Amino acid sequence: MLIRQQGFSLLEVLIAFLLIGIASLGLVKMQSYVEQRSDFAVNSHQALNIAEHKLEWFRTRGASAAQSTMSVASFSSITSGTDTATHSPYTVRWAVSAPAASLSSSLKSLSVSVEWNDRVGETHSVTLQSMVSSYAEFDM
């Protein structure tokens, strides 16, 4: 009479654990990657909102300060600058210059850059560029 062995051998069990371990490491790596991309998406979206808000402030250059509840920009006083305190942990920098072709003294070129550091310490940034005229849509 022949006795048949039932169950798994030690080698089969070790191979199964090895495959499960390798698959688990892959899932952990994928989870880390997804979290980094998610953080980047959230931070870049917030940085874009901050940059758009700063550009919108430059568009208030012709509004009447007497009739506005918020501070408004003056075309003659639009200069380059940096803001690190208002939007922490984001750093907002804007550069104002004459257009490259020097089309007119009534035009200024704007570049707004928002920077932040991710959880690894790598610096990322979002930059928006535009132009403003001394002739505002608020003037009548």
N, C-alpha and C. Protein backbone atom coordinates (compact mmCIF):
# COMPACT_ATOMS: atom_id res chain seq x y z
N MET A 1 0.83 -1.16 0.00
CA MET A 1 0.00 0.00 0.00
C MET A 1 0.89 1.24 0.00
N LEU A 2 0.53 2.14 -0.88
CA LEU A 2 1.31 3.35 -1.08
C LEU A 2 0.65 4.50 -0.34
N ILE A 3 1.43 5.20 0.50
CA ILE A 3 0.89 6.34 1.24
C ILE A 3 1.20 7.60 0.46
N ARG A 4 0.14 8.36 0.16
CA ARG A 4 0.31 9.61 -0.59
C ARG A 4 0.43 10.76 0.40
N GLN A 5 1.38 11.59 0.13
CA GLN A 5 1.60 12.75 0.99
C GLN A 5 0.61 13.84 0.60
N GLN A 6 0.02 14.50 1.59
CA GLN A 6 -0.93 15.58 1.33
C GLN A 6 -0.37 16.87 1.94
N GLY A 7 -0.67 18.01 1.29
CA GLY A 7 -0.20 19.30 1.78
C GLY A 7 0.93 19.82 0.91
N PHE A 8 1.61 20.84 1.42
CA PHE A 8 2.67 21.51 0.66
C PHE A 8 4.02 21.20 1.28
N SER A 9 5.01 21.18 0.44
CA SER A 9 6.37 20.98 0.95
C SER A 9 6.91 22.32 1.45
N LEU A 10 7.98 22.27 2.22
CA LEU A 10 8.60 23.47 2.75
C LEU A 10 9.08 24.38 1.62
N LEU A 11 9.60 23.82 0.57
CA LEU A 11 10.09 24.60 -0.57
C LEU A 11 8.95 25.36 -1.25
N GLU A 12 7.82 24.73 -1.42
CA GLU A 12 6.67 25.40 -2.03
C GLU A 12 6.19 26.57 -1.17
N VAL A 13 6.16 26.40 0.13
CA VAL A 13 5.72 27.45 1.04
C VAL A 13 6.70 28.62 1.00
N LEU A 14 8.00 28.35 0.98
CA LEU A 14 9.00 29.42 0.93
C LEU A 14 8.90 30.21 -0.38
N ILE A 15 8.67 29.53 -1.49
CA ILE A 15 8.52 30.21 -2.78
C ILE A 15 7.27 31.09 -2.76
N ALA A 16 6.19 30.60 -2.18
CA ALA A 16 4.96 31.40 -2.09
C ALA A 16 5.19 32.65 -1.25
N PHE A 17 5.88 32.50 -0.10
CA PHE A 17 6.18 33.68 0.73
C PHE A 17 7.09 34.67 0.00
N LEU A 18 8.03 34.17 -0.76
CA LEU A 18 8.92 35.04 -1.52
C LEU A 18 8.13 35.84 -2.56
N LEU A 19 7.24 35.20 -3.28
CA LEU A 19 6.42 35.90 -4.27
C LEU A 19 5.50 36.94 -3.62
N ILE A 20 4.90 36.59 -2.49
CA ILE A 20 4.05 37.54 -1.78
C ILE A 20 4.87 38.73 -1.29
N GLY A 21 6.08 38.48 -0.80
CA GLY A 21 6.96 39.55 -0.33
C GLY A 21 7.36 40.50 -1.45
N ILE A 22 7.71 39.97 -2.61
CA ILE A 22 8.09 40.81 -3.76
C ILE A 22 6.90 41.63 -4.22
N ALA A 23 5.73 41.04 -4.27
CA ALA A 23 4.53 41.77 -4.67
C ALA A 23 4.20 42.87 -3.66
N SER A 24 4.38 42.60 -2.38
CA SER A 24 4.12 43.61 -1.34
C SER A 24 5.07 44.79 -1.47
N LEU A 25 6.35 44.51 -1.75
CA LEU A 25 7.31 45.60 -1.94
C LEU A 25 6.92 46.47 -3.13
N GLY A 26 6.44 45.86 -4.19
CA GLY A 26 5.99 46.62 -5.35
C GLY A 26 4.80 47.50 -5.01
N LEU A 27 3.88 46.98 -4.22
CA LEU A 27 2.72 47.79 -3.82
C LEU A 27 3.11 48.95 -2.92
N VAL A 28 4.07 48.73 -2.02
CA VAL A 28 4.54 49.81 -1.14
C VAL A 28 5.21 50.91 -1.97
N LYS A 29 6.02 50.51 -2.94
CA LYS A 29 6.68 51.48 -3.82
C LYS A 29 5.64 52.27 -4.62
N MET A 30 4.63 51.59 -5.13
CA MET A 30 3.59 52.25 -5.90
C MET A 30 2.80 53.23 -5.01
N GLN A 31 2.51 52.83 -3.77
CA GLN A 31 1.79 53.71 -2.85
C GLN A 31 2.59 54.98 -2.56
N SER A 32 3.89 54.85 -2.38
CA SER A 32 4.77 56.00 -2.15
C SER A 32 4.75 56.94 -3.35
N TYR A 33 4.83 56.38 -4.55
CA TYR A 33 4.81 57.17 -5.77
C TYR A 33 3.48 57.91 -5.92
N VAL A 34 2.38 57.24 -5.65
CA VAL A 34 1.05 57.85 -5.76
C VAL A 34 0.91 59.00 -4.76
N GLU A 35 1.42 58.82 -3.54
CA GLU A 35 1.35 59.89 -2.53
C GLU A 35 2.18 61.10 -2.96
N GLN A 36 3.35 60.87 -3.53
CA GLN A 36 4.18 61.99 -4.01
C GLN A 36 3.49 62.74 -5.13
N ARG A 37 2.90 62.03 -6.07
CA ARG A 37 2.20 62.68 -7.19
C ARG A 37 0.97 63.42 -6.69
N SER A 38 0.29 62.86 -5.71
CA SER A 38 -0.88 63.52 -5.13
C SER A 38 -0.48 64.82 -4.43
N ASP A 39 0.60 64.78 -3.65
CA ASP A 39 1.10 65.99 -3.00
C ASP A 39 1.48 67.05 -4.03
N PHE A 40 2.15 66.63 -5.10
CA PHE A 40 2.54 67.57 -6.15
C PHE A 40 1.31 68.21 -6.78
N ALA A 41 0.29 67.41 -7.04
CA ALA A 41 -0.93 67.94 -7.66
C ALA A 41 -1.60 68.97 -6.75
N VAL A 42 -1.70 68.66 -5.47
CA VAL A 42 -2.34 69.59 -4.53
C VAL A 42 -1.52 70.87 -4.42
N ASN A 43 -0.20 70.75 -4.26
CA ASN A 43 0.66 71.93 -4.10
C ASN A 43 0.71 72.76 -5.37
N SER A 44 0.78 72.14 -6.53
CA SER A 44 0.85 72.91 -7.77
C SER A 44 -0.49 73.62 -8.03
N HIS A 45 -1.59 73.01 -7.65
CA HIS A 45 -2.89 73.66 -7.80
C HIS A 45 -2.98 74.88 -6.88
N GLN A 46 -2.54 74.73 -5.63
CA GLN A 46 -2.55 75.86 -4.70
C GLN A 46 -1.61 76.97 -5.18
N ALA A 47 -0.42 76.59 -5.68
CA ALA A 47 0.53 77.58 -6.19
C ALA A 47 -0.04 78.32 -7.39
N LEU A 48 -0.73 77.62 -8.25
CA LEU A 48 -1.37 78.26 -9.41
C LEU A 48 -2.44 79.26 -8.96
N ASN A 49 -3.22 78.90 -7.96
CA ASN A 49 -4.23 79.82 -7.43
C ASN A 49 -3.58 81.08 -6.86
N ILE A 50 -2.48 80.93 -6.14
CA ILE A 50 -1.77 82.08 -5.56
C ILE A 50 -1.23 82.98 -6.67
N ALA A 51 -0.63 82.38 -7.70
CA ALA A 51 -0.08 83.15 -8.81
C ALA A 51 -1.19 83.89 -9.57
N GLU A 52 -2.31 83.23 -9.80
CA GLU A 52 -3.44 83.87 -10.47
C GLU A 52 -3.98 85.02 -9.63
N HIS A 53 -4.03 84.84 -8.33
CA HIS A 53 -4.52 85.90 -7.44
C HIS A 53 -3.60 87.12 -7.54
N LYS A 54 -2.29 86.90 -7.58
CA LYS A 54 -1.35 88.02 -7.69
C LYS A 54 -1.52 88.73 -9.04
N LEU A 55 -1.67 87.98 -10.11
CA LEU A 55 -1.90 88.60 -11.42
C LEU A 55 -3.21 89.39 -11.44
N GLU A 56 -4.23 88.86 -10.79
CA GLU A 56 -5.50 89.59 -10.73
C GLU A 56 -5.34 90.89 -9.95
N TRP A 57 -4.49 90.89 -8.92
CA TRP A 57 -4.25 92.13 -8.19
C TRP A 57 -3.62 93.17 -9.10
N PHE A 58 -2.69 92.78 -9.97
CA PHE A 58 -2.09 93.72 -10.91
C PHE A 58 -3.15 94.30 -11.86
N ARG A 59 -4.20 93.55 -12.13
CA ARG A 59 -5.25 94.03 -13.02
C ARG A 59 -6.10 95.12 -12.38
N THR A 60 -6.01 95.32 -11.07
CA THR A 60 -6.80 96.36 -10.39
C THR A 60 -6.16 97.74 -10.54
N ARG A 61 -5.14 97.89 -11.37
CA ARG A 61 -4.33 99.11 -11.46
C ARG A 61 -5.11 100.37 -11.81
N GLY A 62 -6.27 100.26 -12.39
CA GLY A 62 -7.02 101.45 -12.76
C GLY A 62 -8.24 101.68 -11.90
N ALA A 63 -8.48 100.79 -10.95
CA ALA A 63 -9.67 100.93 -10.11
C ALA A 63 -9.49 102.08 -9.13
N SER A 64 -10.59 102.63 -8.69
CA SER A 64 -10.55 103.73 -7.74
C SER A 64 -10.35 103.18 -6.34
N ALA A 65 -9.29 103.62 -5.68
CA ALA A 65 -9.01 103.17 -4.32
C ALA A 65 -10.09 103.67 -3.36
N ALA A 66 -10.70 104.80 -3.66
CA ALA A 66 -11.75 105.36 -2.79
C ALA A 66 -13.01 104.52 -2.83
N GLN A 67 -13.26 103.84 -3.95
CA GLN A 67 -14.48 103.05 -4.09
C GLN A 67 -14.26 101.56 -3.87
N SER A 68 -13.04 101.17 -3.55
CA SER A 68 -12.73 99.75 -3.39
C SER A 68 -12.55 99.41 -1.91
N THR A 69 -12.96 98.21 -1.56
CA THR A 69 -12.77 97.74 -0.18
C THR A 69 -11.42 97.06 0.01
N MET A 70 -10.70 96.83 -1.07
CA MET A 70 -9.37 96.21 -0.99
C MET A 70 -8.34 97.15 -1.61
N SER A 71 -7.07 96.89 -1.31
CA SER A 71 -6.03 97.74 -1.89
C SER A 71 -5.94 97.48 -3.39
N VAL A 72 -5.68 98.52 -4.14
CA VAL A 72 -5.59 98.40 -5.59
C VAL A 72 -4.19 98.78 -6.04
N ALA A 73 -3.80 98.30 -7.20
CA ALA A 73 -2.47 98.57 -7.75
C ALA A 73 -2.48 99.90 -8.49
N SER A 74 -1.34 100.52 -8.52
CA SER A 74 -1.13 101.73 -9.30
C SER A 74 -0.09 101.39 -10.36
N PHE A 75 -0.38 101.70 -11.62
CA PHE A 75 0.53 101.30 -12.70
C PHE A 75 1.92 101.86 -12.48
N SER A 76 2.04 103.08 -12.01
CA SER A 76 3.36 103.69 -11.83
C SER A 76 4.16 103.05 -10.70
N SER A 77 3.46 102.42 -9.74
CA SER A 77 4.18 101.83 -8.60
C SER A 77 4.31 100.32 -8.69
N ILE A 78 3.96 99.71 -9.83
CA ILE A 78 4.11 98.27 -9.99
C ILE A 78 5.59 97.96 -10.16
N THR A 79 6.16 97.28 -9.17
CA THR A 79 7.59 96.91 -9.20
C THR A 79 7.75 95.45 -8.82
N SER A 80 8.94 94.93 -9.03
CA SER A 80 9.25 93.55 -8.67
C SER A 80 9.23 93.39 -7.16
N GLY A 81 8.99 92.18 -6.69
CA GLY A 81 8.97 91.95 -5.26
C GLY A 81 8.88 90.48 -4.89
N THR A 82 8.85 90.24 -3.57
CA THR A 82 8.78 88.88 -3.02
C THR A 82 7.86 88.90 -1.82
N ASP A 83 7.09 87.82 -1.66
CA ASP A 83 6.23 87.65 -0.49
C ASP A 83 6.44 86.25 0.05
N THR A 84 7.01 86.14 1.24
CA THR A 84 7.23 84.83 1.85
C THR A 84 6.32 84.59 3.04
N ALA A 85 5.76 85.63 3.61
CA ALA A 85 4.99 85.49 4.85
C ALA A 85 3.52 85.18 4.62
N THR A 86 2.92 85.77 3.62
CA THR A 86 1.48 85.69 3.43
C THR A 86 1.00 84.29 3.04
N HIS A 87 1.76 83.59 2.25
CA HIS A 87 1.31 82.30 1.70
C HIS A 87 2.21 81.14 2.12
N SER A 88 2.70 81.15 3.33
CA SER A 88 3.60 80.10 3.80
C SER A 88 2.95 78.73 3.60
N PRO A 89 3.62 77.73 3.13
CA PRO A 89 5.05 77.55 2.85
C PRO A 89 5.45 77.94 1.43
N TYR A 90 4.60 78.67 0.74
CA TYR A 90 4.89 79.08 -0.63
C TYR A 90 5.63 80.42 -0.63
N THR A 91 6.55 80.57 -1.57
CA THR A 91 7.25 81.83 -1.77
C THR A 91 6.78 82.42 -3.09
N VAL A 92 6.26 83.63 -3.03
CA VAL A 92 5.74 84.30 -4.22
C VAL A 92 6.74 85.37 -4.65
N ARG A 93 7.18 85.30 -5.90
CA ARG A 93 8.08 86.31 -6.46
C ARG A 93 7.47 86.82 -7.75
N TRP A 94 7.57 88.12 -7.95
CA TRP A 94 7.09 88.68 -9.21
C TRP A 94 8.14 89.65 -9.75
N ALA A 95 8.29 89.60 -11.04
CA ALA A 95 9.25 90.47 -11.73
C ALA A 95 8.48 91.33 -12.72
N VAL A 96 8.79 92.60 -12.70
CA VAL A 96 8.14 93.57 -13.59
C VAL A 96 9.23 94.19 -14.45
N SER A 97 9.01 94.20 -15.74
CA SER A 97 10.00 94.80 -16.65
C SER A 97 9.30 95.37 -17.86
N ALA A 98 10.06 96.14 -18.63
CA ALA A 98 9.54 96.66 -19.90
C ALA A 98 9.52 95.50 -20.89
N PRO A 99 8.57 95.49 -21.82
CA PRO A 99 8.53 94.41 -22.82
C PRO A 99 9.83 94.36 -23.62
N ALA A 100 10.16 93.19 -24.11
CA ALA A 100 11.41 92.99 -24.86
C ALA A 100 11.50 93.90 -26.07
N ALA A 101 10.40 94.07 -26.77
CA ALA A 101 10.41 94.90 -27.97
C ALA A 101 10.27 96.38 -27.65
N SER A 102 10.06 96.70 -26.37
CA SER A 102 9.88 98.07 -25.92
C SER A 102 8.83 98.78 -26.78
N LEU A 103 7.67 98.15 -26.84
CA LEU A 103 6.59 98.67 -27.67
C LEU A 103 6.09 100.03 -27.21
N SER A 104 5.98 100.18 -25.90
CA SER A 104 5.41 101.41 -25.39
C SER A 104 5.75 101.53 -23.91
N SER A 105 5.80 102.75 -23.42
CA SER A 105 6.04 102.96 -22.00
C SER A 105 4.77 102.68 -21.19
N SER A 106 3.67 102.47 -21.87
CA SER A 106 2.42 102.18 -21.17
C SER A 106 2.20 100.67 -20.97
N LEU A 107 3.22 99.86 -21.28
CA LEU A 107 3.15 98.42 -21.08
C LEU A 107 4.20 97.96 -20.09
N LYS A 108 3.84 96.98 -19.27
CA LYS A 108 4.80 96.33 -18.39
C LYS A 108 4.61 94.83 -18.50
N SER A 109 5.72 94.12 -18.53
CA SER A 109 5.70 92.66 -18.58
C SER A 109 5.79 92.12 -17.16
N LEU A 110 4.92 91.16 -16.83
CA LEU A 110 4.87 90.58 -15.49
C LEU A 110 5.20 89.11 -15.54
N SER A 111 5.94 88.65 -14.54
CA SER A 111 6.20 87.23 -14.37
C SER A 111 6.02 86.92 -12.89
N VAL A 112 5.04 86.08 -12.56
CA VAL A 112 4.77 85.70 -11.18
C VAL A 112 5.17 84.24 -11.01
N SER A 113 6.05 83.98 -10.03
CA SER A 113 6.54 82.64 -9.77
C SER A 113 6.23 82.26 -8.33
N VAL A 114 5.68 81.08 -8.13
CA VAL A 114 5.37 80.58 -6.79
C VAL A 114 6.18 79.30 -6.60
N GLU A 115 6.98 79.25 -5.54
CA GLU A 115 7.85 78.11 -5.26
C GLU A 115 7.45 77.44 -3.95
N TRP A 116 7.71 76.14 -3.86
CA TRP A 116 7.50 75.40 -2.62
C TRP A 116 8.45 74.21 -2.61
N ASN A 117 8.68 73.67 -1.42
CA ASN A 117 9.50 72.47 -1.25
C ASN A 117 8.58 71.30 -0.93
N ASP A 118 8.83 70.16 -1.57
CA ASP A 118 8.03 68.99 -1.28
C ASP A 118 8.56 68.29 -0.02
N ARG A 119 7.97 67.15 0.32
CA ARG A 119 8.35 66.46 1.56
C ARG A 119 9.76 65.91 1.52
N VAL A 120 10.34 65.78 0.33
CA VAL A 120 11.72 65.30 0.19
C VAL A 120 12.70 66.47 0.23
N GLY A 121 12.20 67.70 0.10
CA GLY A 121 13.04 68.88 0.11
C GLY A 121 13.36 69.41 -1.28
N GLU A 122 12.78 68.80 -2.31
CA GLU A 122 13.00 69.26 -3.68
C GLU A 122 12.13 70.47 -3.96
N THR A 123 12.69 71.48 -4.62
CA THR A 123 11.97 72.72 -4.91
C THR A 123 11.21 72.60 -6.23
N HIS A 124 9.96 73.01 -6.20
CA HIS A 124 9.11 73.05 -7.38
C HIS A 124 8.58 74.46 -7.54
N SER A 125 8.16 74.81 -8.75
CA SER A 125 7.61 76.15 -8.95
C SER A 125 6.60 76.16 -10.08
N VAL A 126 5.73 77.18 -10.02
CA VAL A 126 4.76 77.47 -11.07
C VAL A 126 4.98 78.92 -11.46
N THR A 127 5.06 79.20 -12.76
CA THR A 127 5.29 80.56 -13.22
C THR A 127 4.22 80.96 -14.23
N LEU A 128 3.66 82.15 -14.04
CA LEU A 128 2.70 82.73 -14.97
C LEU A 128 3.27 84.04 -15.50
N GLN A 129 3.07 84.29 -16.78
CA GLN A 129 3.56 85.52 -17.38
C GLN A 129 2.40 86.24 -18.06
N SER A 130 2.45 87.57 -17.98
CA SER A 130 1.40 88.39 -18.58
C SER A 130 1.95 89.79 -18.84
N MET A 131 1.11 90.63 -19.37
CA MET A 131 1.46 92.04 -19.57
C MET A 131 0.29 92.88 -19.09
N VAL A 132 0.61 94.07 -18.58
CA VAL A 132 -0.43 95.01 -18.19
C VAL A 132 -0.16 96.34 -18.86
N SER A 133 -1.23 97.05 -19.07
CA SER A 133 -1.16 98.36 -19.71
C SER A 133 -1.54 99.43 -18.69
N SER A 134 -1.06 100.63 -18.92
CA SER A 134 -1.47 101.73 -18.04
C SER A 134 -2.92 102.11 -18.29
N TYR A 135 -3.46 101.67 -19.42
CA TYR A 135 -4.86 101.92 -19.74
C TYR A 135 -5.68 100.78 -19.18
N ALA A 136 -6.39 101.03 -18.11
CA ALA A 136 -7.13 99.99 -17.42
C ALA A 136 -8.57 99.93 -17.92
N GLU A 137 -9.18 98.78 -17.74
CA GLU A 137 -10.57 98.61 -18.15
C GLU A 137 -11.51 99.37 -17.23
N PHE A 138 -11.01 99.85 -16.10
CA PHE A 138 -11.84 100.60 -15.17
C PHE A 138 -11.95 102.08 -15.55
N ASP A 139 -11.00 102.57 -16.37
CA ASP A 139 -11.01 103.97 -16.77
C ASP A 139 -12.20 104.25 -17.69
N MET A 140 -12.81 105.38 -17.51
CA MET A 140 -13.94 105.75 -18.36
C MET A 140 -13.68 107.06 -19.02
